[in-house]
Amino acid sequence: MSFRPTSPSGTESTAGAATLSGILLAAGRGRRFGGDKLLAPLDDGTPVAVKAAENMISALARVVAVVRPADSILAALLRQAGAEVIVCPDASQGMGHSLASAVQVSQGAGGWLVGLADMPFIHPNTLRAVAKEVASGATIAAPCYLQKRGHPVAFAACWQAELLALSGDQGARGLIERQRDKLVLVQCDDAGVLLDIDLPADLVRGQHIVASQRQPTKSKDDD
């Protein structure tokens, strides 16, 4: 495992990142939320999953979103946001099936940036930085905030066969653990890489944390 710093906020280049395809996993059920968390609105009214898609679309030229067969409303919203939407018939069997189905339709990409639709607070610059790391030669990369690995995770094309073979609810976790020595952690100042939505309170908490982190620093001259 190795570490890389990101560029200062707002200066991350898009060069190289465009060779990767984004995968947005939006087929989870979110039973603990007490409703469809992916359609839950943020303060500006944007649904959680749509915001996650918009962030990824800002960073990458192609984004494939995976939904369950019954999620026609979510699918329509994600298409409207600019994502390519596929339906995974086996989504109920776990994240591995959803991820494999997205890799299947995007074979030939230079790699994949795999994100979760219940993580709407990740800055596009962070997504670009992680994707660029793989485009520049790393085979697996992920962001790191406060010494904790976060999401999304980027995989080079050399892992295509392993990703296509995924099944069950573990996603690519097993692959990451087996290839831990190849993982590059991209250091960032983005709390969003650790903030997912499991409960309604997470919406409020996440928006507060991100708003506090991203507001301009007040200088003495402003007083």
C-alpha atoms as a PDB file:
ATOM      1  CA  MET A   1       0.000   0.000   0.000  1.00  0.00           C
ATOM      2  CA  SER A   2       1.253   3.476  -0.810  1.00  0.00           C
ATOM      3  CA  PHE A   3       0.035   7.041  -0.394  1.00  0.00           C
ATOM      4  CA  ARG A   4      -0.346   9.947  -2.816  1.00  0.00           C
ATOM      5  CA  PRO A   5      -1.446  13.520  -2.083  1.00  0.00           C
ATOM      6  CA  THR A   6      -4.152  15.144  -4.187  1.00  0.00           C
ATOM      7  CA  SER A   7      -3.747  18.481  -5.893  1.00  0.00           C
ATOM      8  CA  PRO A   8      -5.105  21.506  -4.011  1.00  0.00           C
ATOM      9  CA  SER A   9      -8.898  21.759  -4.127  1.00  0.00           C
ATOM     10  CA  GLY A  10     -10.140  22.998  -7.463  1.00  0.00           C
ATOM     11  CA  THR A  11      -6.899  22.330  -9.360  1.00  0.00           C
ATOM     12  CA  GLU A  12      -7.107  18.595 -10.036  1.00  0.00           C
ATOM     13  CA  SER A  13      -6.532  17.944 -13.745  1.00  0.00           C
ATOM     14  CA  THR A  14      -8.979  15.862 -15.751  1.00  0.00           C
ATOM     15  CA  ALA A  15      -6.120  14.512 -17.883  1.00  0.00           C
ATOM     16  CA  GLY A  16      -6.007  10.728 -17.776  1.00  0.00           C
ATOM     17  CA  ALA A  17      -9.188  10.279 -15.746  1.00  0.00           C
ATOM     18  CA  ALA A  18     -11.289  10.215 -18.917  1.00  0.00           C
ATOM     19  CA  THR A  19      -9.945   6.765 -19.817  1.00  0.00           C
ATOM     20  CA  LEU A  20     -11.906   5.242 -16.931  1.00  0.00           C
ATOM     21  CA  SER A  21     -15.627   4.528 -16.839  1.00  0.00           C
ATOM     22  CA  GLY A  22     -17.593   5.356 -13.736  1.00  0.00           C
ATOM     23  CA  ILE A  23     -19.815   2.741 -12.120  1.00  0.00           C
ATOM     24  CA  LEU A  24     -22.493   3.937  -9.713  1.00  0.00           C
ATOM     25  CA  LEU A  25     -24.010   1.136  -7.652  1.00  0.00           C
ATOM     26  CA  ALA A  26     -27.624   2.155  -7.065  1.00  0.00           C
ATOM     27  CA  ALA A  27     -29.286  -1.210  -6.517  1.00  0.00           C
ATOM     28  CA  GLY A  28     -29.159  -1.432  -2.724  1.00  0.00           C
ATOM     29  CA  ARG A  29     -32.304  -1.648  -0.633  1.00  0.00           C
ATOM     30  CA  GLY A  30     -31.341   0.491   2.370  1.00  0.00           C
ATOM     31  CA  ARG A  31     -33.743  -1.232   4.773  1.00  0.00           C
ATOM     32  CA  ARG A  32     -32.504   0.693   7.821  1.00  0.00           C
ATOM     33  CA  PHE A  33     -33.464   4.056   6.307  1.00  0.00           C
ATOM     34  CA  GLY A  34     -37.187   3.391   6.529  1.00  0.00           C
ATOM     35  CA  GLY A  35     -37.842   4.313   2.900  1.00  0.00           C
ATOM     36  CA  ASP A  36     -35.990   4.664  -0.372  1.00  0.00           C
ATOM     37  CA  LYS A  37     -32.851   6.454   0.757  1.00  0.00           C
ATOM     38  CA  LEU A  38     -31.602   6.920  -2.798  1.00  0.00           C
ATOM     39  CA  LEU A  39     -34.607   9.123  -3.559  1.00  0.00           C
ATOM     40  CA  ALA A  40     -34.412  11.039  -0.276  1.00  0.00           C
ATOM     41  CA  PRO A  41     -33.879  14.762  -0.969  1.00  0.00           C
ATOM     42  CA  LEU A  42     -30.887  16.776   0.123  1.00  0.00           C
ATOM     43  CA  ASP A  43     -31.393  20.346   1.316  1.00  0.00           C
ATOM     44  CA  ASP A  44     -31.493  21.634  -2.268  1.00  0.00           C
ATOM     45  CA  GLY A  45     -34.086  19.022  -3.241  1.00  0.00           C
ATOM     46  CA  THR A  46     -31.711  16.818  -5.231  1.00  0.00           C
ATOM     47  CA  PRO A  47     -32.213  13.104  -4.513  1.00  0.00           C
ATOM     48  CA  VAL A  48     -29.251  11.366  -2.860  1.00  0.00           C
ATOM     49  CA  ALA A  49     -28.487   9.067  -5.802  1.00  0.00           C
ATOM     50  CA  VAL A  50     -28.855  11.852  -8.357  1.00  0.00           C
ATOM     51  CA  LYS A  51     -26.325  14.004  -6.500  1.00  0.00           C
ATOM     52  CA  ALA A  52     -23.890  11.080  -6.376  1.00  0.00           C
ATOM     53  CA  ALA A  53     -24.386  10.602 -10.118  1.00  0.00           C
ATOM     54  CA  GLU A  54     -23.915  14.302 -10.887  1.00  0.00           C
ATOM     55  CA  ASN A  55     -20.633  14.352  -8.987  1.00  0.00           C
ATOM     56  CA  MET A  56     -19.318  11.348 -10.895  1.00  0.00           C
ATOM     57  CA  ILE A  57     -20.548  12.679 -14.235  1.00  0.00           C
ATOM     58  CA  SER A  58     -18.644  15.904 -13.516  1.00  0.00           C
ATOM     59  CA  ALA A  59     -15.459  13.865 -13.210  1.00  0.00           C
ATOM     60  CA  LEU A  60     -15.770  11.206 -15.921  1.00  0.00           C
ATOM     61  CA  ALA A  61     -16.985  11.061 -19.508  1.00  0.00           C
ATOM     62  CA  ARG A  62     -19.014   7.878 -19.024  1.00  0.00           C
ATOM     63  CA  VAL A  63     -20.961   6.741 -15.970  1.00  0.00           C
ATOM     64  CA  VAL A  64     -22.914   3.490 -15.796  1.00  0.00           C
ATOM     65  CA  ALA A  65     -25.511   3.339 -13.022  1.00  0.00           C
ATOM     66  CA  VAL A  66     -26.906  -0.016 -11.896  1.00  0.00           C
ATOM     67  CA  VAL A  67     -30.466  -0.231 -10.550  1.00  0.00           C
ATOM     68  CA  ARG A  68     -32.906  -2.942  -9.501  1.00  0.00           C
ATOM     69  CA  PRO A  69     -35.670  -4.075 -11.890  1.00  0.00           C
ATOM     70  CA  ALA A  70     -38.437  -2.244  -9.992  1.00  0.00           C
ATOM     71  CA  ASP A  71     -36.642   1.101  -9.701  1.00  0.00           C
ATOM     72  CA  SER A  72     -38.124   2.839 -12.737  1.00  0.00           C
ATOM     73  CA  ILE A  73     -38.331   6.258 -11.053  1.00  0.00           C
ATOM     74  CA  LEU A  74     -34.715   6.131  -9.929  1.00  0.00           C
ATOM     75  CA  ALA A  75     -33.630   4.906 -13.357  1.00  0.00           C
ATOM     76  CA  ALA A  76     -35.392   7.809 -15.066  1.00  0.00           C
ATOM     77  CA  LEU A  77     -33.820  10.368 -12.740  1.00  0.00           C
ATOM     78  CA  LEU A  78     -30.340   8.946 -13.244  1.00  0.00           C
ATOM     79  CA  ARG A  79     -30.767   8.981 -17.026  1.00  0.00           C
ATOM     80  CA  GLN A  80     -31.935  12.577 -16.835  1.00  0.00           C
ATOM     81  CA  ALA A  81     -28.773  13.398 -14.866  1.00  0.00           C
ATOM     82  CA  GLY A  82     -26.667  11.974 -17.688  1.00  0.00           C
ATOM     83  CA  ALA A  83     -25.868   8.448 -16.555  1.00  0.00           C
ATOM     84  CA  GLU A  84     -26.176   5.328 -18.668  1.00  0.00           C
ATOM     85  CA  VAL A  85     -28.564   3.124 -16.679  1.00  0.00           C
ATOM     86  CA  ILE A  86     -28.654  -0.661 -16.688  1.00  0.00           C
ATOM     87  CA  VAL A  87     -30.997  -2.951 -14.801  1.00  0.00           C
ATOM     88  CA  CYS A  88     -29.417  -5.867 -12.948  1.00  0.00           C
ATOM     89  CA  PRO A  89     -31.901  -8.748 -12.661  1.00  0.00           C
ATOM     90  CA  ASP A  90     -29.747 -10.348  -9.942  1.00  0.00           C
ATOM     91  CA  ALA A  91     -29.285  -7.189  -7.879  1.00  0.00           C
ATOM     92  CA  SER A  92     -31.114  -8.725  -4.927  1.00  0.00           C
ATOM     93  CA  GLN A  93     -28.339 -11.316  -4.652  1.00  0.00           C
ATOM     94  CA  GLY A  94     -25.773  -8.688  -3.739  1.00  0.00           C
ATOM     95  CA  MET A  95     -23.457  -5.899  -4.792  1.00  0.00           C
ATOM     96  CA  GLY A  96     -21.098  -8.280  -6.579  1.00  0.00           C
ATOM     97  CA  HIS A  97     -23.728  -9.069  -9.205  1.00  0.00           C
ATOM     98  CA  SER A  98     -24.419  -5.368  -9.787  1.00  0.00           C
ATOM     99  CA  LEU A  99     -20.751  -4.515 -10.182  1.00  0.00           C
ATOM    100  CA  ALA A 100     -20.105  -7.402 -12.549  1.00  0.00           C
ATOM    101  CA  SER A 101     -23.046  -6.391 -14.731  1.00  0.00           C
ATOM    102  CA  ALA A 102     -21.712  -2.834 -15.055  1.00  0.00           C
ATOM    103  CA  VAL A 103     -18.230  -4.050 -15.970  1.00  0.00           C
ATOM    104  CA  GLN A 104     -19.813  -6.365 -18.538  1.00  0.00           C
ATOM    105  CA  VAL A 105     -21.393  -3.478 -20.448  1.00  0.00           C
ATOM    106  CA  SER A 106     -18.284  -1.294 -20.234  1.00  0.00           C
ATOM    107  CA  GLN A 107     -15.578  -3.750 -21.260  1.00  0.00           C
ATOM    108  CA  GLY A 108     -12.777  -2.016 -23.099  1.00  0.00           C
ATOM    109  CA  ALA A 109     -12.560   0.872 -20.638  1.00  0.00           C
ATOM    110  CA  GLY A 110      -9.150   1.791 -19.278  1.00  0.00           C
ATOM    111  CA  GLY A 111     -10.491   0.947 -15.836  1.00  0.00           C
ATOM    112  CA  TRP A 112     -13.440   1.625 -13.558  1.00  0.00           C
ATOM    113  CA  LEU A 113     -14.182   4.080 -10.786  1.00  0.00           C
ATOM    114  CA  VAL A 114     -16.696   2.294  -8.573  1.00  0.00           C
ATOM    115  CA  GLY A 115     -18.869   4.463  -6.352  1.00  0.00           C
ATOM    116  CA  LEU A 116     -21.949   4.034  -4.185  1.00  0.00           C
ATOM    117  CA  ALA A 117     -25.174   5.902  -4.847  1.00  0.00           C
ATOM    118  CA  ASP A 118     -25.731   6.524  -1.136  1.00  0.00           C
ATOM    119  CA  MET A 119     -22.550   8.643  -0.930  1.00  0.00           C
ATOM    120  CA  PRO A 120     -23.594  12.035  -2.386  1.00  0.00           C
ATOM    121  CA  PHE A 121     -21.019  14.207  -0.631  1.00  0.00           C
ATOM    122  CA  ILE A 122     -17.807  13.292  -2.511  1.00  0.00           C
ATOM    123  CA  HIS A 123     -16.309  16.254  -4.364  1.00  0.00           C
ATOM    124  CA  PRO A 124     -15.744  15.756  -8.113  1.00  0.00           C
ATOM    125  CA  ASN A 125     -12.084  16.740  -7.666  1.00  0.00           C
ATOM    126  CA  THR A 126     -11.624  13.748  -5.373  1.00  0.00           C
ATOM    127  CA  LEU A 127     -13.213  11.467  -7.951  1.00  0.00           C
ATOM    128  CA  ARG A 128     -10.889  12.836 -10.630  1.00  0.00           C
ATOM    129  CA  ALA A 129      -7.838  12.366  -8.429  1.00  0.00           C
ATOM    130  CA  VAL A 130      -8.600   8.712  -7.702  1.00  0.00           C
ATOM    131  CA  ALA A 131      -9.403   7.954 -11.347  1.00  0.00           C
ATOM    132  CA  LYS A 132      -6.265   9.749 -12.492  1.00  0.00           C
ATOM    133  CA  GLU A 133      -4.132   7.593 -10.188  1.00  0.00           C
ATOM    134  CA  VAL A 134      -5.210   4.442 -12.015  1.00  0.00           C
ATOM    135  CA  ALA A 135      -4.997   6.142 -15.404  1.00  0.00           C
ATOM    136  CA  SER A 136      -1.391   7.004 -14.502  1.00  0.00           C
ATOM    137  CA  GLY A 137      -0.363   3.434 -13.726  1.00  0.00           C
ATOM    138  CA  ALA A 138      -1.745   2.277 -10.382  1.00  0.00           C
ATOM    139  CA  THR A 139      -3.957  -0.815 -10.575  1.00  0.00           C
ATOM    140  CA  ILE A 140      -6.138  -0.088  -7.525  1.00  0.00           C
ATOM    141  CA  ALA A 141      -6.671   3.302  -5.884  1.00  0.00           C
ATOM    142  CA  ALA A 142      -8.943   4.800  -3.251  1.00  0.00           C
ATOM    143  CA  PRO A 143      -9.185   8.086  -1.342  1.00  0.00           C
ATOM    144  CA  CYS A 144      -7.917   8.429   2.207  1.00  0.00           C
ATOM    145  CA  TYR A 145      -9.249  10.966   4.712  1.00  0.00           C
ATOM    146  CA  LEU A 146      -8.003  11.225   8.307  1.00  0.00           C
ATOM    147  CA  GLN A 147      -6.070   7.970   7.864  1.00  0.00           C
ATOM    148  CA  LYS A 148      -9.224   6.082   6.817  1.00  0.00           C
ATOM    149  CA  ARG A 149      -9.774   4.538   3.404  1.00  0.00           C
ATOM    150  CA  GLY A 150     -12.958   5.727   1.751  1.00  0.00           C
ATOM    151  CA  HIS A 151     -14.892   5.487  -1.502  1.00  0.00           C
ATOM    152  CA  PRO A 152     -14.885   5.316  -4.453  1.00  0.00           C
ATOM    153  CA  VAL A 153     -12.353   2.672  -5.486  1.00  0.00           C
ATOM    154  CA  ALA A 154     -10.732   2.672  -8.915  1.00  0.00           C
ATOM    155  CA  PHE A 155      -9.588  -0.482 -10.689  1.00  0.00           C
ATOM    156  CA  ALA A 156      -7.364  -0.789 -13.734  1.00  0.00           C
ATOM    157  CA  ALA A 157      -8.473  -2.848 -16.732  1.00  0.00           C
ATOM    158  CA  CYS A 158      -6.135  -5.676 -15.676  1.00  0.00           C
ATOM    159  CA  TRP A 159      -8.753  -6.672 -13.078  1.00  0.00           C
ATOM    160  CA  GLN A 160     -11.564  -7.063 -15.609  1.00  0.00           C
ATOM    161  CA  ALA A 161     -11.783 -10.865 -15.313  1.00  0.00           C
ATOM    162  CA  GLU A 162     -11.881 -10.713 -11.507  1.00  0.00           C
ATOM    163  CA  LEU A 163     -14.562  -8.018 -11.541  1.00  0.00           C
ATOM    164  CA  LEU A 164     -16.691  -9.920 -14.052  1.00  0.00           C
ATOM    165  CA  ALA A 165     -16.558 -12.973 -11.778  1.00  0.00           C
ATOM    166  CA  LEU A 166     -17.914 -11.148  -8.718  1.00  0.00           C
ATOM    167  CA  SER A 167     -21.106 -12.299  -7.034  1.00  0.00           C
ATOM    168  CA  GLY A 168     -22.780 -12.078  -3.655  1.00  0.00           C
ATOM    169  CA  ASP A 169     -22.808  -9.118  -1.308  1.00  0.00           C
ATOM    170  CA  GLN A 170     -19.075  -8.471  -0.867  1.00  0.00           C
ATOM    171  CA  GLY A 171     -18.546  -6.446  -4.005  1.00  0.00           C
ATOM    172  CA  ALA A 172     -14.857  -6.009  -4.752  1.00  0.00           C
ATOM    173  CA  ARG A 173     -13.798  -6.060  -1.094  1.00  0.00           C
ATOM    174  CA  GLY A 174     -12.150  -9.453  -1.419  1.00  0.00           C
ATOM    175  CA  LEU A 175     -10.149  -8.355  -4.449  1.00  0.00           C
ATOM    176  CA  ILE A 176      -8.923  -5.264  -2.617  1.00  0.00           C
ATOM    177  CA  GLU A 177      -7.852  -7.290   0.410  1.00  0.00           C
ATOM    178  CA  ARG A 178      -6.045  -9.889  -1.683  1.00  0.00           C
ATOM    179  CA  GLN A 179      -4.207  -7.192  -3.625  1.00  0.00           C
ATOM    180  CA  ARG A 180      -3.612  -4.846  -0.711  1.00  0.00           C
ATOM    181  CA  ASP A 181       0.032  -4.363  -1.670  1.00  0.00           C
ATOM    182  CA  LYS A 182      -1.109  -2.806  -4.960  1.00  0.00           C
ATOM    183  CA  LEU A 183      -3.556  -0.360  -3.374  1.00  0.00           C
ATOM    184  CA  VAL A 184      -2.632   3.323  -3.685  1.00  0.00           C
ATOM    185  CA  LEU A 185      -4.334   5.590  -1.152  1.00  0.00           C
ATOM    186  CA  VAL A 186      -4.904   9.112  -2.433  1.00  0.00           C
ATOM    187  CA  GLN A 187      -4.813  11.512   0.489  1.00  0.00           C
ATOM    188  CA  CYS A 188      -7.560  14.132   0.383  1.00  0.00           C
ATOM    189  CA  ASP A 189      -9.326  16.747   2.495  1.00  0.00           C
ATOM    190  CA  ASP A 190     -12.765  15.449   1.541  1.00  0.00           C
ATOM    191  CA  ALA A 191     -14.896  14.126   4.401  1.00  0.00           C
ATOM    192  CA  GLY A 192     -17.441  12.981   1.824  1.00  0.00           C
ATOM    193  CA  VAL A 193     -15.380   9.877   1.044  1.00  0.00           C
ATOM    194  CA  LEU A 194     -16.435   8.454   4.423  1.00  0.00           C
ATOM    195  CA  LEU A 195     -20.035   9.682   4.551  1.00  0.00           C
ATOM    196  CA  ASP A 196     -22.721   7.269   3.408  1.00  0.00           C
ATOM    197  CA  ILE A 197     -26.444   7.421   4.063  1.00  0.00           C
ATOM    198  CA  ASP A 198     -27.859   4.625   6.205  1.00  0.00           C
ATOM    199  CA  LEU A 199     -30.301   6.551   8.403  1.00  0.00           C
ATOM    200  CA  PRO A 200     -32.258   9.802   7.958  1.00  0.00           C
ATOM    201  CA  ALA A 201     -29.977  11.448  10.519  1.00  0.00           C
ATOM    202  CA  ASP A 202     -27.023  10.774   8.215  1.00  0.00           C
ATOM    203  CA  LEU A 203     -28.481  13.206   5.682  1.00  0.00           C
ATOM    204  CA  VAL A 204     -28.453  16.060   8.174  1.00  0.00           C
ATOM    205  CA  ARG A 205     -25.074  15.120   9.620  1.00  0.00           C
ATOM    206  CA  GLY A 206     -23.419  14.687   6.228  1.00  0.00           C
ATOM    207  CA  GLN A 207     -24.662  17.987   4.844  1.00  0.00           C
ATOM    208  CA  HIS A 208     -23.517  19.808   7.967  1.00  0.00           C
ATOM    209  CA  ILE A 209     -20.025  18.273   7.855  1.00  0.00           C
ATOM    210  CA  VAL A 210     -19.527  18.968   4.165  1.00  0.00           C
ATOM    211  CA  ALA A 211     -20.880  22.526   4.381  1.00  0.00           C
ATOM    212  CA  SER A 212     -18.547  23.286   7.291  1.00  0.00           C
ATOM    213  CA  GLN A 213     -15.573  21.789   5.488  1.00  0.00           C
ATOM    214  CA  ARG A 214     -16.096  23.579   2.187  1.00  0.00           C
ATOM    215  CA  GLN A 215     -17.019  27.073   3.304  1.00  0.00           C
ATOM    216  CA  PRO A 216     -14.303  29.663   2.607  1.00  0.00           C
ATOM    217  CA  THR A 217     -11.874  30.373   5.412  1.00  0.00           C
ATOM    218  CA  LYS A 218     -12.413  33.847   6.843  1.00  0.00           C
ATOM    219  CA  SER A 219      -9.302  35.996   6.846  1.00  0.00           C
ATOM    220  CA  LYS A 220      -8.416  38.676   9.374  1.00  0.00           C
ATOM    221  CA  ASP A 221      -8.897  41.284   6.653  1.00  0.00           C
ATOM    222  CA  ASP A 222     -12.601  40.380   6.528  1.00  0.00           C
ATOM    223  CA  ASP A 223     -13.156  41.553  10.099  1.00  0.00           C
END
